[in-house]
């Protein structure tokens, strides 16, 4: 994490903050997510049946990929954190698109850019980040998102 003064957050608007480490999506994780969400569609959990789809294998749930954003974000060295931050909260998404499936066994990583930083109240900052989750060896990202985080300083 890159610790900065809250008053300087706006200086980073428009700047790429970095790229996360790679993270592999395996069948055990896909199955665990299916169990947690009760979404057992064969394209996710049945490798034999999934062989007959255009993907040729099982794919991760889009929401599984999305749910990994906090984990991926944590490994971005230059991701911003205001000095003295008491807590941060997920504030939602302005935009979310699932662009390409993540096939079982593939690795993903996130690229973050700060789009906006607004002080909503004294010591309360709303930041909007652009995230692209790349799939190793693929041209198209798994997803793109505009993620909102509220920082309390």
Protein backbone atom coordinates (compact mmCIF):
# COMPACT_ATOMS: atom_id res chain seq x y z
CA UNK A 1 0.00 0.00 0.00
CA UNK A 2 1.05 3.54 -0.68
CA UNK A 3 0.26 5.76 2.30
CA UNK A 4 -0.48 9.38 1.37
CA UNK A 5 -2.03 12.41 3.01
CA UNK A 6 -5.79 12.44 2.41
CA UNK A 7 -5.56 15.97 1.01
CA UNK A 8 -3.28 14.67 -1.76
CA UNK A 9 -5.58 11.86 -2.97
CA UNK A 10 -6.85 13.97 -5.86
CA UNK A 11 -3.30 14.24 -7.23
CA UNK A 12 -3.53 10.54 -8.18
CA UNK A 13 -6.73 10.83 -10.25
CA UNK A 14 -6.14 9.40 -13.70
CA UNK A 15 -3.05 7.47 -12.63
CA UNK A 16 -2.58 3.72 -12.80
CA UNK A 17 -1.82 2.45 -9.30
CA UNK A 18 -0.38 -0.87 -10.31
CA UNK A 19 -1.04 -4.52 -10.94
CA UNK A 20 -1.80 -7.27 -8.46
CA UNK A 21 -0.05 -10.60 -8.16
CA UNK A 22 -1.34 -13.46 -10.31
CA UNK A 23 -3.96 -15.72 -8.71
CA UNK A 24 -4.92 -19.14 -10.02
CA UNK A 25 -8.56 -20.17 -10.29
CA UNK A 26 -8.83 -23.91 -9.67
CA UNK A 27 -11.78 -26.29 -9.66
CA UNK A 28 -11.81 -26.57 -5.85
CA UNK A 29 -12.32 -22.80 -5.55
CA UNK A 30 -15.04 -22.84 -8.22
CA UNK A 31 -16.82 -25.70 -6.42
CA UNK A 32 -16.55 -23.95 -3.04
CA UNK A 33 -18.05 -20.79 -4.55
CA UNK A 34 -20.86 -22.85 -6.10
CA UNK A 35 -21.58 -24.35 -2.68
CA UNK A 36 -21.54 -20.93 -0.99
CA UNK A 37 -23.89 -19.36 -3.55
CA UNK A 38 -25.99 -22.44 -4.40
CA UNK A 39 -25.14 -21.89 -8.08
CA UNK A 40 -24.24 -25.38 -9.30
CA UNK A 41 -24.77 -24.81 -13.02
CA UNK A 42 -22.88 -27.53 -14.90
CA UNK A 43 -20.68 -25.03 -16.76
CA UNK A 44 -19.02 -24.35 -13.39
CA UNK A 45 -19.00 -27.71 -11.59
CA UNK A 46 -19.20 -30.57 -14.10
CA UNK A 47 -15.93 -30.92 -16.06
CA UNK A 48 -17.27 -33.79 -18.21
CA UNK A 49 -20.37 -31.92 -19.34
CA UNK A 50 -18.43 -28.65 -19.69
CA UNK A 51 -16.10 -30.30 -22.24
CA UNK A 52 -19.00 -30.13 -24.71
CA UNK A 53 -19.40 -26.34 -24.43
CA UNK A 54 -17.60 -23.75 -26.57
CA UNK A 55 -15.20 -23.24 -23.63
CA UNK A 56 -14.14 -26.90 -23.49
CA UNK A 57 -13.83 -26.83 -19.70
CA UNK A 58 -15.49 -25.44 -16.60
CA UNK A 59 -15.43 -21.69 -16.00
CA UNK A 60 -15.44 -19.59 -12.86
CA UNK A 61 -18.60 -17.78 -11.88
CA UNK A 62 -18.39 -14.11 -12.85
CA UNK A 63 -19.23 -13.21 -9.28
CA UNK A 64 -16.36 -15.40 -8.05
CA UNK A 65 -13.95 -13.32 -10.12
CA UNK A 66 -15.59 -10.13 -8.84
CA UNK A 67 -15.45 -11.31 -5.23
CA UNK A 68 -11.67 -11.66 -5.50
CA UNK A 69 -11.17 -7.92 -6.12
CA UNK A 70 -10.45 -7.10 -2.45
CA UNK A 71 -7.86 -9.89 -2.30
CA UNK A 72 -6.25 -8.86 -5.59
CA UNK A 73 -6.29 -5.17 -4.64
CA UNK A 74 -4.41 -5.93 -1.42
CA UNK A 75 -1.36 -7.09 -3.39
CA UNK A 76 -1.07 -3.89 -5.45
CA UNK A 77 1.98 -2.15 -3.98
CA UNK A 78 0.96 1.40 -4.93
CA UNK A 79 -2.73 1.10 -4.04
CA UNK A 80 -3.63 4.24 -2.10
CA UNK A 81 -4.35 4.44 1.59
CA UNK A 82 -4.73 7.78 3.35
CA UNK A 83 -2.49 8.31 6.37
CA UNK A 84 -4.42 7.71 9.59
CA UNK A 85 -7.22 5.76 7.89
CA UNK A 86 -9.57 4.29 10.48
CA UNK A 87 -11.43 2.03 8.05
CA UNK A 88 -12.51 1.53 4.47
CA UNK A 89 -15.87 0.28 3.23
CA UNK A 90 -17.10 -1.16 -0.03
CA UNK A 91 -19.50 1.46 -1.42
CA UNK A 92 -20.57 -0.44 -4.55
CA UNK A 93 -19.99 -0.22 -8.27
CA UNK A 94 -20.84 2.39 -10.88
CA UNK A 95 -20.06 0.02 -13.75
CA UNK A 96 -19.49 -3.70 -14.01
CA UNK A 97 -19.10 -5.82 -17.13
CA UNK A 98 -18.14 -9.47 -17.41
CA UNK A 99 -16.10 -9.51 -20.60
CA UNK A 100 -14.66 -13.05 -20.88
CA UNK A 101 -14.94 -16.30 -18.95
CA UNK A 102 -12.15 -17.46 -16.66
CA UNK A 103 -11.46 -21.08 -17.51
CA UNK A 104 -10.52 -23.49 -14.73
CA UNK A 105 -6.76 -23.48 -14.18
CA UNK A 106 -6.20 -19.96 -15.53
CA UNK A 107 -4.52 -17.18 -13.58
CA UNK A 108 -5.99 -13.70 -13.13
CA UNK A 109 -4.65 -10.37 -11.92
CA UNK A 110 -6.11 -6.90 -11.40
CA UNK A 111 -4.96 -3.54 -12.74
CA UNK A 112 -6.19 -0.47 -10.83
CA UNK A 113 -6.49 3.19 -11.81
CA UNK A 114 -7.90 5.97 -9.62
CA UNK A 115 -10.76 7.72 -11.43
CA UNK A 116 -12.00 10.13 -8.77
CA UNK A 117 -11.43 11.20 -5.16
CA UNK A 118 -14.04 13.33 -3.43
CA UNK A 119 -14.21 14.38 0.20
CA UNK A 120 -17.88 13.84 1.04
CA UNK A 121 -17.58 15.05 4.64
CA UNK A 122 -14.70 16.04 6.83
CA UNK A 123 -12.47 12.95 6.93
CA UNK A 124 -14.73 10.88 4.70
CA UNK A 125 -13.41 10.25 1.17
CA UNK A 126 -15.22 8.48 -1.67
CA UNK A 127 -12.79 7.04 -4.20
CA UNK A 128 -13.71 5.58 -7.57
CA UNK A 129 -11.29 3.08 -9.07
CA UNK A 130 -11.21 1.46 -12.46
CA UNK A 131 -10.33 -2.22 -12.25
CA UNK A 132 -9.58 -4.56 -15.11
CA UNK A 133 -9.14 -8.22 -14.23
CA UNK A 134 -6.81 -9.75 -16.79
CA UNK A 135 -6.63 -13.43 -17.69
CA UNK A 136 -3.14 -14.73 -18.32
CA UNK A 137 -2.63 -15.43 -22.03
CA UNK A 138 -5.97 -13.90 -23.05
CA UNK A 139 -6.58 -10.68 -24.99
CA UNK A 140 -9.87 -9.80 -23.32
CA UNK A 141 -10.20 -9.11 -19.58
CA UNK A 142 -12.45 -11.23 -17.39
CA UNK A 143 -14.18 -8.11 -16.14
CA UNK A 144 -13.98 -4.36 -15.97
CA UNK A 145 -15.42 -2.45 -13.05
CA UNK A 146 -15.69 1.00 -11.55
CA UNK A 147 -15.43 0.22 -7.85
CA UNK A 148 -16.33 2.72 -5.14
CA UNK A 149 -14.58 2.65 -1.77
CA UNK A 150 -15.30 4.95 1.17
CA UNK A 151 -12.28 5.82 3.31
CA UNK A 152 -12.68 7.15 6.84
CA UNK A 153 -9.70 9.17 8.08
